Amino acid sequence: MAELLAGHPFYEISALLILAAVAGTVGLILRQPMIVSFIAVGILAGPSALDLVHSYGQIELLAELGIAVLLFLVGLKLDLKLVRRLGAVALATGLGQVFFTAVIGFGIALALGLSPVAAAYVAVALTFSSTIIIVKLLTDKKEVDSLHGRIAIGFLIVQDLAVIIAMLVLSAFGVGETGAQGEVHPFEHVSRVLGYGFALLVLVGLFIRYLADPLVRRIAISPELLIIFAIAWAAFLAAVSDYVGLSKELGGLLAGVSLASTEFREAIVARLSSLRDFLLLFFFIALGTQLDLSMLGAQIVPALVLSAFVLVGNPLIVMVIMGVLGYRKRTGFLAGLTVAQISEFSLIFVAMGISLGHIGPDALGLVTLVGLITIATSVYMISYSQTLYRWFEPLLAVFERRHPFREQGTADEAASSGRHDVILFGVGRYGASIAGHLQRANYRILAVDFDPEAVRRWRRAGFDVVFGDASDEDFVGSLPLQHAQWVISAMPDQEVGVTHMDPRLVLIRALRRHGYTGRIAVSTKNPEEYDSLIQAGADIVFKPYEDAGRQAVGLMGVGSEI
């Protein structure tokens, strides 16, 4: 096989793509994100396994372009407004997690026998969590707009800012190392690269202020040209950044930031996401060529120790910080689980250290193993977060203040809001329609939603509404259930169908556990869920599409036999 592929880059790329498709299929069956499959492909394709890679120049070129596109999209999605909106919460949690993870990780790495420089690189790599994976999982679970989801995304953005700083520092030190050969004093090189960095920031700022909007608006007339321009702009700034002594990664990220304020950023992200995933495959393949499987065997014990720290220690750090900030233990636990893995940036960061000559391939192998273990495990931790919380809830009281003031208002408002005939969970379009009809029938309604924007909107409209999560059994018990005739769930369906984590089932179970004797109604768009929800304890199951169709036929004056 090696003889056949040698000298034939097309055959080689074809074999790598087939291997990636097979590994991706296995990962899909195991419910793993593509990054785990890509890392596995890189290891399998490397010289210690199948030895499929021989066109190193072509693979490296695709890998560099993939990193530039990845960081371009990260910069494009860098929503600083969200950080400002969450304020101290995002900054304190994000910076606190980065600081404590780095300090404790550095101590663990030193204890495992790593050199101070390698320990520093590994410690910093442990601080980054995968924004792509976390946002995908939270979106699938419809928890992006929940309180813990918003906080998690906020401190992930703070981590992205830390990535920028880390790459800038590495770029400066990289130039310093080069200059230390004796030609020019290292301090002069560092000063020069910082000057180039400042000049690049000024040019990007001027581009954002005067050119970005009119230029992109003109180019966006042709969607194909918009994508070509986006890739060209990312590659151009990456090349300029590399030429002046900074890194390609930093240039790609700045290119994304420069277009983040335009109205077409979501369209660019949507069209480039698939290209990013394709090119990232070659980044992990390039990493695989630097790994020695025999060396990885000696790294298993250190990798398990560091993985345990990431899987357990990172969530504990976030829970402590959020507990001090006044959040309830449930919010801290669910937000903490999102940082129980390292990210693709961790591997990129360590790879930069190797290219600068600061560390050897053994550090990359260690971080790669930690990435495989933590990403694969955290996917299940986040997917089954509600179940994990119920298991560990008795042990989590230490992470909550006696009066968690940042969320105390939700329970206090609910308890003091008086008598209500109906408690309605979910104030989207369907829930709003139900609330309007009930209000016209003189029912007094208490609405509940976990989207802070929706809560503020409803309060301005004069409704009694509180912020809360139907999946939080303690919160459900704090509601004024004793006078409510009905509890109605108008929440969106889960994509996974009725499972033990379905918030509708959690709500029904919590209501019965807290002694609610009224009637319960839930909604579903899937008729196959009807029997499951009735068996779980619902008195009525609304079927919005079927109910709307029946009413439409009734308005037509057609007989009830239809």
Protein backbone atom coordinates (compact mmCIF):
# COMPACT_ATOMS: atom_id res chain seq x y z
CA MET A 1 0.00 0.00 0.00
CA ALA A 2 2.79 2.42 0.93
CA GLU A 3 4.55 1.79 -2.38
CA LEU A 4 1.32 2.43 -4.31
CA LEU A 5 0.63 5.73 -2.54
CA ALA A 6 4.20 7.04 -2.62
CA GLY A 7 4.55 9.53 -5.44
CA HIS A 8 0.80 9.66 -6.12
CA PRO A 9 -0.73 12.46 -4.00
CA PHE A 10 -4.18 11.89 -5.52
CA TYR A 11 -4.21 8.24 -4.43
CA GLU A 12 -2.94 9.30 -1.03
CA ILE A 13 -5.63 11.95 -0.49
CA SER A 14 -8.29 9.49 -1.69
CA ALA A 15 -7.15 6.87 0.84
CA LEU A 16 -7.16 9.47 3.63
CA LEU A 17 -10.68 10.62 2.76
CA ILE A 18 -11.95 7.01 2.72
CA LEU A 19 -10.34 6.42 6.12
CA ALA A 20 -11.94 9.64 7.42
CA ALA A 21 -15.38 8.57 6.14
CA VAL A 22 -15.08 5.17 7.85
CA ALA A 23 -13.83 6.69 11.12
CA GLY A 24 -16.55 9.36 10.97
CA THR A 25 -19.24 6.70 10.55
CA VAL A 26 -17.95 4.80 13.58
CA GLY A 27 -17.87 8.05 15.55
CA LEU A 28 -21.43 8.84 14.51
CA ILE A 29 -22.60 5.45 15.77
CA LEU A 30 -20.84 6.15 19.08
CA ARG A 31 -22.39 9.67 19.17
CA GLN A 32 -18.98 11.32 19.09
CA PRO A 33 -18.23 14.70 17.46
CA MET A 34 -16.20 14.69 14.26
CA ILE A 35 -13.13 16.08 16.01
CA VAL A 36 -12.66 12.74 17.84
CA SER A 37 -12.85 10.87 14.53
CA PHE A 38 -10.42 13.32 12.93
CA ILE A 39 -7.87 12.85 15.73
CA ALA A 40 -8.22 9.08 15.33
CA VAL A 41 -7.65 9.41 11.56
CA GLY A 42 -4.51 11.46 12.18
CA ILE A 43 -3.10 8.79 14.49
CA LEU A 44 -4.05 5.90 12.19
CA ALA A 45 -2.65 7.61 9.08
CA GLY A 46 0.65 8.43 10.79
CA PRO A 47 3.96 6.60 10.38
CA SER A 48 3.40 4.47 13.48
CA ALA A 49 0.21 2.91 12.14
CA LEU A 50 -0.91 2.70 8.48
CA ASP A 51 1.77 5.10 7.20
CA LEU A 52 -0.49 6.63 4.54
CA VAL A 53 1.05 10.11 4.55
CA HIS A 54 3.91 10.81 2.16
CA SER A 55 2.94 14.13 0.50
CA TYR A 56 3.92 16.14 3.55
CA GLY A 57 4.06 19.47 1.72
CA GLN A 58 0.53 19.23 0.34
CA ILE A 59 -0.91 17.98 3.64
CA GLU A 60 0.82 20.76 5.58
CA LEU A 61 -0.49 23.40 3.15
CA LEU A 62 -4.09 22.18 3.53
CA ALA A 63 -3.61 22.02 7.31
CA GLU A 64 -2.41 25.64 7.47
CA LEU A 65 -5.31 26.80 5.32
CA GLY A 66 -7.68 24.84 7.57
CA ILE A 67 -6.36 26.56 10.70
CA ALA A 68 -6.69 29.96 9.03
CA VAL A 69 -10.32 29.24 8.10
CA LEU A 70 -11.08 27.84 11.58
CA LEU A 71 -9.76 30.92 13.35
CA PHE A 72 -11.39 33.17 10.77
CA LEU A 73 -14.79 31.66 11.71
CA VAL A 74 -13.99 31.96 15.42
CA GLY A 75 -13.24 35.64 14.95
CA LEU A 76 -16.39 36.01 12.87
CA LYS A 77 -18.49 34.64 15.75
CA LEU A 78 -16.69 36.55 18.49
CA ASP A 79 -19.66 38.31 20.04
CA LEU A 80 -18.20 40.84 22.46
CA LYS A 81 -21.68 42.25 23.08
CA LEU A 82 -22.63 38.99 24.83
CA VAL A 83 -19.64 39.30 27.16
CA ARG A 84 -20.64 42.88 27.99
CA ARG A 85 -24.24 41.81 28.57
CA LEU A 86 -23.24 39.08 31.03
CA GLY A 87 -20.68 41.45 32.53
CA ALA A 88 -18.91 40.29 35.64
CA VAL A 89 -20.32 36.77 35.38
CA ALA A 90 -18.66 35.91 32.07
CA LEU A 91 -15.42 37.69 32.89
CA ALA A 92 -15.08 36.35 36.44
CA THR A 93 -15.99 32.79 35.49
CA GLY A 94 -13.97 32.77 32.28
CA LEU A 95 -10.83 34.41 33.66
CA GLY A 96 -11.10 32.52 36.94
CA GLN A 97 -11.39 29.17 35.17
CA VAL A 98 -8.45 29.96 32.86
CA PHE A 99 -6.26 31.12 35.75
CA PHE A 100 -6.97 28.31 38.21
CA THR A 101 -6.88 25.59 35.54
CA ALA A 102 -3.52 26.86 34.30
CA VAL A 103 -2.00 27.13 37.79
CA ILE A 104 -3.24 23.77 39.04
CA GLY A 105 -2.52 22.10 35.68
CA PHE A 106 1.03 23.46 35.76
CA GLY A 107 1.59 21.95 39.20
CA ILE A 108 0.20 18.57 38.11
CA ALA A 109 2.32 18.57 34.95
CA LEU A 110 5.47 19.32 36.96
CA ALA A 111 4.60 16.53 39.38
CA LEU A 112 4.28 14.16 36.40
CA GLY A 113 7.88 14.91 35.43
CA LEU A 114 7.44 17.44 32.60
CA SER A 115 9.96 20.22 32.15
CA PRO A 116 8.81 23.70 33.22
CA VAL A 117 8.37 24.86 29.60
CA ALA A 118 6.44 21.74 28.56
CA ALA A 119 4.37 21.93 31.76
CA ALA A 120 3.49 25.55 30.96
CA TYR A 121 2.34 24.64 27.44
CA VAL A 122 0.28 21.68 28.69
CA ALA A 123 -1.25 23.77 31.48
CA VAL A 124 -2.37 26.49 29.08
CA ALA A 125 -3.69 23.86 26.65
CA LEU A 126 -5.90 22.45 29.42
CA THR A 127 -7.66 25.80 29.86
CA PHE A 128 -9.32 25.87 26.42
CA SER A 129 -12.71 24.23 25.88
CA SER A 130 -14.25 23.44 22.51
CA THR A 131 -16.77 26.14 21.66
CA ILE A 132 -17.85 24.25 18.53
CA ILE A 133 -18.72 21.06 20.44
CA ILE A 134 -20.40 22.80 23.36
CA VAL A 135 -22.59 25.07 21.24
CA LYS A 136 -23.60 22.08 19.10
CA LEU A 137 -24.59 20.00 22.15
CA LEU A 138 -26.43 22.88 23.85
CA THR A 139 -28.27 23.61 20.60
CA ASP A 140 -29.30 19.97 20.20
CA LYS A 141 -30.63 20.00 23.79
CA LYS A 142 -32.30 23.40 23.26
CA GLU A 143 -30.33 24.84 26.20
CA VAL A 144 -28.52 27.64 24.38
CA ASP A 145 -30.97 30.22 25.77
CA SER A 146 -31.06 28.75 29.28
CA LEU A 147 -29.25 30.58 32.06
CA HIS A 148 -26.42 28.05 32.29
CA GLY A 149 -26.19 27.94 28.49
CA ARG A 150 -25.81 31.70 28.17
CA ILE A 151 -23.23 31.82 30.97
CA ALA A 152 -21.28 28.95 29.40
CA ILE A 153 -21.18 30.64 26.00
CA GLY A 154 -20.14 33.88 27.70
CA PHE A 155 -17.11 32.41 29.42
CA LEU A 156 -16.23 30.40 26.30
CA ILE A 157 -15.94 33.71 24.48
CA VAL A 158 -13.62 34.89 27.27
CA GLN A 159 -11.57 31.75 26.58
CA ASP A 160 -11.46 32.70 22.89
CA LEU A 161 -10.04 36.07 23.90
CA ALA A 162 -7.44 34.23 25.98
CA VAL A 163 -6.53 32.25 22.84
CA ILE A 164 -5.82 35.52 21.04
CA ILE A 165 -3.55 36.73 23.83
CA ALA A 166 -1.75 33.38 24.05
CA MET A 167 -1.09 33.34 20.30
CA LEU A 168 0.15 36.93 20.35
CA VAL A 169 2.54 36.10 23.20
CA LEU A 170 3.76 32.98 21.37
CA SER A 171 4.34 34.98 18.22
CA ALA A 172 6.43 37.52 20.11
CA PHE A 173 8.46 34.86 21.90
CA GLY A 174 8.88 32.97 18.63
CA VAL A 175 10.53 35.97 17.03
CA GLY A 176 12.62 36.46 20.13
CA GLU A 177 13.92 32.91 19.89
CA THR A 178 14.84 33.41 16.25
CA GLY A 179 16.67 36.56 17.02
CA ALA A 180 18.59 34.97 19.87
CA GLN A 181 20.96 33.38 17.37
CA GLY A 182 23.15 36.45 17.70
CA GLU A 183 22.13 38.58 14.74
CA VAL A 184 19.82 40.92 16.63
CA HIS A 185 19.03 41.25 20.31
CA PRO A 186 15.87 39.30 21.29
CA PHE A 187 14.33 42.37 22.95
CA GLU A 188 14.56 44.23 19.67
CA HIS A 189 12.77 41.38 17.89
CA VAL A 190 10.02 41.27 20.50
CA SER A 191 9.59 45.04 20.30
CA ARG A 192 9.46 44.85 16.52
CA VAL A 193 6.82 42.12 16.44
CA LEU A 194 4.71 43.96 19.00
CA GLY A 195 4.98 47.07 16.84
CA TYR A 196 3.89 45.10 13.78
CA GLY A 197 1.03 43.64 15.82
CA PHE A 198 -0.13 47.11 16.87
CA ALA A 199 0.08 48.34 13.27
CA LEU A 200 -1.95 45.35 12.08
CA LEU A 201 -4.60 46.04 14.71
CA VAL A 202 -4.79 49.67 13.60
CA LEU A 203 -5.20 48.66 9.95
CA VAL A 204 -7.90 46.14 10.85
CA GLY A 205 -9.65 48.81 12.94
CA LEU A 206 -9.62 51.24 10.01
CA PHE A 207 -10.95 48.48 7.72
CA ILE A 208 -13.82 47.81 10.15
CA ARG A 209 -14.60 51.51 10.50
CA TYR A 210 -14.56 52.57 6.86
CA LEU A 211 -14.46 49.62 4.44
CA ALA A 212 -15.98 46.44 5.88
CA ASP A 213 -19.69 47.23 5.53
CA PRO A 214 -19.74 48.91 2.07
CA LEU A 215 -17.23 46.44 0.60
CA VAL A 216 -18.96 43.29 1.86
CA ARG A 217 -22.39 44.67 0.92
CA ARG A 218 -21.20 45.17 -2.65
CA ILE A 219 -19.51 41.74 -2.86
CA ALA A 220 -22.50 39.95 -1.28
CA ILE A 221 -24.53 40.55 -4.46
CA SER A 222 -22.84 37.35 -5.62
CA PRO A 223 -22.91 34.62 -2.90
CA GLU A 224 -20.11 32.74 -4.65
CA LEU A 225 -17.90 35.84 -4.70
CA LEU A 226 -18.67 36.48 -1.02
CA ILE A 227 -17.26 33.08 -0.05
CA ILE A 228 -14.20 33.47 -2.29
CA PHE A 229 -13.57 36.90 -0.78
CA ALA A 230 -13.92 35.55 2.78
CA ILE A 231 -11.38 32.78 2.17
CA ALA A 232 -9.03 35.15 0.34
CA TRP A 233 -9.26 37.72 3.15
CA ALA A 234 -8.53 35.07 5.80
CA ALA A 235 -5.56 33.72 3.83
CA PHE A 236 -4.25 37.23 3.06
CA LEU A 237 -4.23 38.43 6.67
CA ALA A 238 -2.79 35.07 7.78
CA ALA A 239 0.04 35.51 5.25
CA VAL A 240 0.66 39.15 6.23
CA SER A 241 0.70 38.22 9.91
CA ASP A 242 3.18 35.41 9.26
CA TYR A 243 5.38 37.67 7.11
CA VAL A 244 5.77 40.34 9.81
CA GLY A 245 6.72 37.73 12.42
CA LEU A 246 3.33 37.07 13.99
CA SER A 247 1.50 33.79 13.39
CA LYS A 248 -0.83 32.68 10.60
CA GLU A 249 -3.35 31.73 13.30
CA LEU A 250 -3.50 35.27 14.66
CA GLY A 251 -3.93 36.72 11.16
CA GLY A 252 -6.82 34.39 10.37
CA LEU A 253 -8.55 35.31 13.63
CA LEU A 254 -8.15 39.05 13.01
CA ALA A 255 -9.64 38.57 9.53
CA GLY A 256 -12.74 37.10 11.12
CA VAL A 257 -12.99 39.86 13.73
CA SER A 258 -12.76 42.45 10.94
CA LEU A 259 -15.95 41.09 9.31
CA ALA A 260 -17.83 40.24 12.52
CA SER A 261 -19.69 43.56 12.52
CA THR A 262 -21.13 43.06 9.03
CA GLU A 263 -24.68 41.86 8.44
CA PHE A 264 -23.45 38.95 6.30
CA ARG A 265 -21.37 37.19 8.94
CA GLU A 266 -23.95 34.43 9.57
CA ALA A 267 -24.15 33.70 5.84
CA ILE A 268 -20.36 33.40 5.67
CA VAL A 269 -20.26 31.12 8.71
CA ALA A 270 -22.97 28.85 7.30
CA ARG A 271 -21.21 28.46 3.95
CA LEU A 272 -17.67 28.01 5.30
CA SER A 273 -18.43 25.57 8.14
CA SER A 274 -18.25 22.51 5.88
CA LEU A 275 -15.02 23.74 4.27
CA ARG A 276 -13.56 24.29 7.75
CA ASP A 277 -14.39 20.72 8.78
CA PHE A 278 -12.88 19.34 5.58
CA LEU A 279 -9.62 21.26 5.90
CA LEU A 280 -9.30 20.55 9.63
CA LEU A 281 -9.08 16.87 8.75
CA PHE A 282 -5.66 17.58 7.22
CA PHE A 283 -4.56 19.48 10.33
CA PHE A 284 -5.14 16.37 12.42
CA ILE A 285 -3.47 14.22 9.77
CA ALA A 286 -0.45 16.52 9.90
CA LEU A 287 -0.44 16.16 13.69
CA GLY A 288 -0.56 12.39 13.29
CA THR A 289 2.66 12.42 11.28
CA GLN A 290 4.41 13.90 14.33
CA LEU A 291 3.13 11.27 16.78
CA ASP A 292 4.91 8.07 17.69
CA LEU A 293 2.49 5.43 18.99
CA SER A 294 5.25 3.77 20.98
CA MET A 295 5.81 7.12 22.68
CA LEU A 296 2.07 7.48 23.33
CA GLY A 297 2.14 4.25 25.34
CA ALA A 298 4.42 5.89 27.90
CA GLN A 299 2.03 8.87 28.08
CA ILE A 300 -1.09 6.92 29.08
CA VAL A 301 -0.74 7.37 32.84
CA PRO A 302 0.02 11.15 32.66
CA ALA A 303 -2.83 11.51 30.13
CA LEU A 304 -5.27 9.76 32.47
CA VAL A 305 -4.21 11.98 35.39
CA LEU A 306 -4.58 15.19 33.37
CA SER A 307 -7.85 13.96 31.85
CA ALA A 308 -9.25 13.33 35.32
CA PHE A 309 -8.30 16.88 36.26
CA VAL A 310 -10.05 18.30 33.19
CA LEU A 311 -13.16 16.11 33.57
CA VAL A 312 -13.55 16.71 37.32
CA GLY A 313 -11.36 19.65 38.26
CA ASN A 314 -12.52 22.11 35.59
CA PRO A 315 -16.24 21.72 36.48
CA LEU A 316 -15.39 22.05 40.19
CA ILE A 317 -13.48 25.29 39.52
CA VAL A 318 -16.46 26.73 37.62
CA MET A 319 -18.90 25.59 40.34
CA VAL A 320 -16.83 27.25 43.07
CA ILE A 321 -16.62 30.53 41.14
CA MET A 322 -20.32 30.58 40.27
CA GLY A 323 -21.26 29.64 43.83
CA VAL A 324 -19.24 32.60 45.14
CA LEU A 325 -20.94 34.83 42.55
CA GLY A 326 -24.33 33.85 43.97
CA TYR A 327 -25.64 31.21 41.56
CA ARG A 328 -27.45 28.06 42.58
CA LYS A 329 -25.67 24.73 42.59
CA ARG A 330 -27.69 23.44 39.62
CA THR A 331 -26.69 26.35 37.39
CA GLY A 332 -23.03 26.00 38.41
CA PHE A 333 -23.06 22.24 37.84
CA LEU A 334 -24.63 22.42 34.36
CA ALA A 335 -22.35 25.29 33.29
CA GLY A 336 -19.32 23.53 34.76
CA LEU A 337 -19.86 20.40 32.70
CA THR A 338 -19.33 22.42 29.52
CA VAL A 339 -15.62 22.93 30.32
CA ALA A 340 -14.91 19.23 30.95
CA GLN A 341 -12.83 18.85 27.80
CA ILE A 342 -9.99 20.48 25.91
CA SER A 343 -10.40 21.80 22.39
CA GLU A 344 -8.87 21.81 18.95
CA PHE A 345 -7.17 25.07 20.00
CA SER A 346 -5.24 23.13 22.63
CA LEU A 347 -3.65 21.03 19.89
CA ILE A 348 -3.01 24.08 17.69
CA PHE A 349 -1.39 25.87 20.64
CA VAL A 350 0.95 22.96 21.40
CA ALA A 351 1.73 22.52 17.68
CA MET A 352 2.81 26.16 17.60
CA GLY A 353 5.15 25.46 20.51
CA ILE A 354 6.72 22.60 18.56
CA SER A 355 7.17 24.75 15.45
CA LEU A 356 8.92 27.37 17.60
CA GLY A 357 11.23 24.74 19.07
CA HIS A 358 10.03 25.30 22.64
CA ILE A 359 8.78 21.73 23.23
CA GLY A 360 9.06 18.30 21.63
CA PRO A 361 6.52 15.94 20.03
CA ASP A 362 6.00 14.08 23.33
CA ALA A 363 4.01 17.05 24.69
CA LEU A 364 1.82 16.97 21.58
CA GLY A 365 1.22 13.26 22.06
CA LEU A 366 0.23 13.84 25.69
CA VAL A 367 -2.21 16.63 24.84
CA THR A 368 -3.65 14.59 21.96
CA LEU A 369 -4.42 11.70 24.32
CA VAL A 370 -6.00 14.10 26.81
CA GLY A 371 -8.10 15.53 23.98
CA LEU A 372 -9.33 12.11 22.89
CA ILE A 373 -10.26 11.08 26.44
CA THR A 374 -11.88 14.34 27.56
CA ILE A 375 -13.81 15.15 24.39
CA ALA A 376 -15.17 11.61 24.05
CA THR A 377 -16.21 11.52 27.72
CA SER A 378 -17.59 15.05 28.03
CA VAL A 379 -20.00 14.51 25.13
CA TYR A 380 -21.86 11.99 27.27
CA MET A 381 -21.51 14.14 30.40
CA ILE A 382 -23.18 17.12 28.70
CA SER A 383 -25.80 14.96 26.96
CA TYR A 384 -26.83 13.37 30.27
CA SER A 385 -26.26 16.44 32.42
CA GLN A 386 -29.72 16.39 34.02
CA THR A 387 -29.30 12.76 35.10
CA LEU A 388 -25.81 13.45 36.47
CA TYR A 389 -27.19 16.38 38.43
CA ARG A 390 -29.85 14.21 40.07
CA TRP A 391 -27.18 11.68 41.03
CA PHE A 392 -24.79 14.21 42.56
CA GLU A 393 -27.29 16.77 43.90
CA PRO A 394 -26.97 15.64 47.57
CA LEU A 395 -23.22 16.33 47.41
CA LEU A 396 -23.43 19.77 45.82
CA ALA A 397 -24.80 21.90 48.67
CA VAL A 398 -21.28 23.10 49.47
CA PHE A 399 -21.19 24.91 46.10
CA GLU A 400 -24.24 27.08 46.86
CA ARG A 401 -24.54 30.06 49.14
CA ARG A 402 -27.21 30.02 51.81
CA HIS A 403 -28.90 32.77 49.81
CA PRO A 404 -27.99 32.45 46.09
CA PHE A 405 -28.93 36.05 45.41
CA ARG A 406 -28.43 36.03 41.63
CA GLU A 407 -31.23 33.50 41.20
CA GLN A 408 -33.12 34.07 44.43
CA GLY A 409 -35.44 36.47 42.65
CA THR A 410 -36.98 33.76 40.48
CA ALA A 411 -38.27 31.72 43.41
CA ASP A 412 -39.19 34.79 45.49
CA GLU A 413 -41.15 36.34 42.62
CA ALA A 414 -43.01 33.11 42.00
CA ALA A 415 -43.88 32.64 45.67
CA SER A 416 -45.05 36.24 46.14
CA SER A 417 -46.92 36.61 42.88
CA GLY A 418 -50.27 35.61 44.40
CA ARG A 419 -52.87 33.12 43.18
CA HIS A 420 -52.85 31.89 39.61
CA ASP A 421 -55.28 29.62 37.83
CA VAL A 422 -52.74 28.44 35.27
CA ILE A 423 -48.96 28.07 35.33
CA LEU A 424 -47.66 28.10 31.75
CA PHE A 425 -44.16 26.87 30.84
CA GLY A 426 -42.86 28.26 27.54
CA VAL A 427 -43.84 31.64 26.10
CA GLY A 428 -42.95 31.12 22.46
CA ARG A 429 -45.49 31.55 19.68
CA TYR A 430 -47.59 28.57 20.77
CA GLY A 431 -47.40 29.44 24.47
CA ALA A 432 -48.22 33.08 23.74
CA SER A 433 -51.33 32.03 21.82
CA ILE A 434 -52.50 29.82 24.71
CA ALA A 435 -51.85 32.63 27.20
CA GLY A 436 -53.83 35.13 25.11
CA HIS A 437 -56.90 32.89 24.89
CA LEU A 438 -56.77 32.03 28.61
CA GLN A 439 -56.43 35.67 29.56
CA ARG A 440 -59.47 36.59 27.49
CA ALA A 441 -61.34 33.85 29.36
CA ASN A 442 -60.41 35.63 32.64
CA TYR A 443 -57.86 33.06 33.79
CA ARG A 444 -54.96 34.45 35.78
CA ILE A 445 -51.68 33.14 34.35
CA LEU A 446 -48.16 32.79 35.71
CA ALA A 447 -45.77 32.28 32.79
CA VAL A 448 -42.36 30.62 33.14
CA ASP A 449 -39.53 30.69 30.61
CA PHE A 450 -35.75 30.20 30.70
CA ASP A 451 -35.04 32.80 28.02
CA PRO A 452 -34.21 36.08 29.83
CA GLU A 453 -35.15 38.11 26.73
CA ALA A 454 -38.60 36.50 26.57
CA VAL A 455 -39.12 37.11 30.30
CA ARG A 456 -38.27 40.81 29.95
CA ARG A 457 -40.53 41.12 26.89
CA TRP A 458 -43.50 39.57 28.69
CA ARG A 459 -43.00 41.69 31.78
CA ARG A 460 -43.09 44.84 29.64
CA ALA A 461 -46.38 43.55 28.22
CA GLY A 462 -47.82 43.37 31.75
CA PHE A 463 -47.84 39.58 32.29
CA ASP A 464 -46.89 37.81 35.50
CA VAL A 465 -43.76 35.94 34.38
CA VAL A 466 -40.71 34.49 36.11
CA PHE A 467 -37.40 33.18 34.88
CA GLY A 468 -36.97 29.45 35.47
CA ASP A 469 -36.20 26.04 33.99
CA ALA A 470 -38.79 23.26 33.87
CA SER A 471 -35.95 20.75 34.24
CA ASP A 472 -35.06 22.17 37.68
CA GLU A 473 -37.20 20.18 40.13
CA ASP A 474 -36.35 22.52 43.04
CA PHE A 475 -37.56 25.51 41.06
CA VAL A 476 -40.79 23.74 40.12
CA GLY A 477 -41.40 23.08 43.82
CA SER A 478 -40.98 26.80 44.60
CA LEU A 479 -43.91 27.78 42.34
CA PRO A 480 -47.36 28.58 43.83
CA LEU A 481 -48.83 25.21 42.87
CA GLN A 482 -51.48 24.95 45.59
CA HIS A 483 -54.02 27.20 43.83
CA ALA A 484 -53.25 26.36 40.19
CA GLN A 485 -55.94 24.40 38.38
CA TRP A 486 -53.68 23.68 35.41
CA VAL A 487 -49.97 23.43 34.67
CA ILE A 488 -49.37 23.66 30.92
CA SER A 489 -46.15 22.92 29.07
CA ALA A 490 -45.88 24.69 25.71
CA MET A 491 -42.14 24.12 25.46
CA PRO A 492 -40.59 23.09 22.11
CA ASP A 493 -40.19 19.36 21.50
CA GLN A 494 -36.84 17.71 22.10
CA GLU A 495 -35.19 16.52 18.88
CA VAL A 496 -34.33 13.22 20.57
CA GLY A 497 -37.98 12.49 21.38
CA VAL A 498 -39.30 11.42 24.76
CA THR A 499 -36.36 10.39 26.97
CA HIS A 500 -35.60 10.45 30.68
CA MET A 501 -34.03 13.90 30.11
CA ASP A 502 -37.08 15.34 28.37
CA PRO A 503 -38.04 18.51 30.32
CA ARG A 504 -41.73 17.59 29.96
CA LEU A 505 -41.16 14.33 31.84
CA VAL A 506 -38.99 16.08 34.42
CA LEU A 507 -41.74 18.66 34.91
CA ILE A 508 -44.46 16.02 35.37
CA ARG A 509 -42.31 14.07 37.84
CA ALA A 510 -41.45 17.25 39.80
CA LEU A 511 -45.09 18.33 40.01
CA ARG A 512 -46.19 14.97 41.40
CA ARG A 513 -43.23 14.82 43.79
CA HIS A 514 -44.18 18.21 45.24
CA GLY A 515 -47.79 17.15 45.80
CA TYR A 516 -49.48 18.98 42.92
CA THR A 517 -53.05 17.66 42.58
CA GLY A 518 -54.27 19.76 39.66
CA ARG A 519 -54.28 18.82 35.99
CA ILE A 520 -51.28 18.75 33.66
CA ALA A 521 -51.25 19.46 29.92
CA VAL A 522 -48.22 19.10 27.66
CA SER A 523 -47.75 19.63 23.94
CA THR A 524 -46.07 17.55 21.26
CA LYS A 525 -45.69 17.85 17.52
CA ASN A 526 -45.03 14.11 17.23
CA PRO A 527 -48.19 11.96 17.49
CA GLU A 528 -46.05 8.93 18.41
CA GLU A 529 -45.21 10.58 21.75
CA TYR A 530 -48.86 10.78 22.82
CA ASP A 531 -49.03 7.45 24.70
CA SER A 532 -45.65 7.96 26.38
CA LEU A 533 -46.66 11.36 27.76
CA ILE A 534 -50.04 10.09 28.98
CA GLN A 535 -48.36 7.17 30.72
CA ALA A 536 -45.92 9.59 32.34
CA GLY A 537 -48.81 11.40 34.03
CA ALA A 538 -50.11 14.06 31.64
CA ASP A 539 -53.89 14.54 31.71
CA ILE A 540 -54.05 16.10 28.25
CA VAL A 541 -51.57 16.09 25.38
CA PHE A 542 -51.93 18.95 22.92
CA LYS A 543 -51.07 18.19 19.30
CA PRO A 544 -50.69 21.67 17.78
CA TYR A 545 -50.67 20.66 14.11
CA GLU A 546 -53.57 18.22 14.45
CA ASP A 547 -55.54 20.61 16.68
CA ALA A 548 -54.99 23.48 14.24
CA GLY A 549 -56.04 21.29 11.32
CA ARG A 550 -59.22 20.25 13.10
CA GLN A 551 -60.06 23.87 13.90
CA ALA A 552 -59.35 24.91 10.31
CA VAL A 553 -61.75 22.27 9.02
CA GLY A 554 -64.32 23.43 11.57
CA LEU A 555 -64.02 27.00 10.33
CA MET A 556 -64.77 25.71 6.84
CA GLY A 557 -68.12 24.48 8.11
CA VAL A 558 -67.32 20.85 7.28
CA GLY A 559 -69.05 18.19 9.38
CA SER A 560 -67.42 16.76 12.49
CA GLU A 561 -67.12 13.35 10.80
CA ILE A 562 -64.10 14.75 8.94
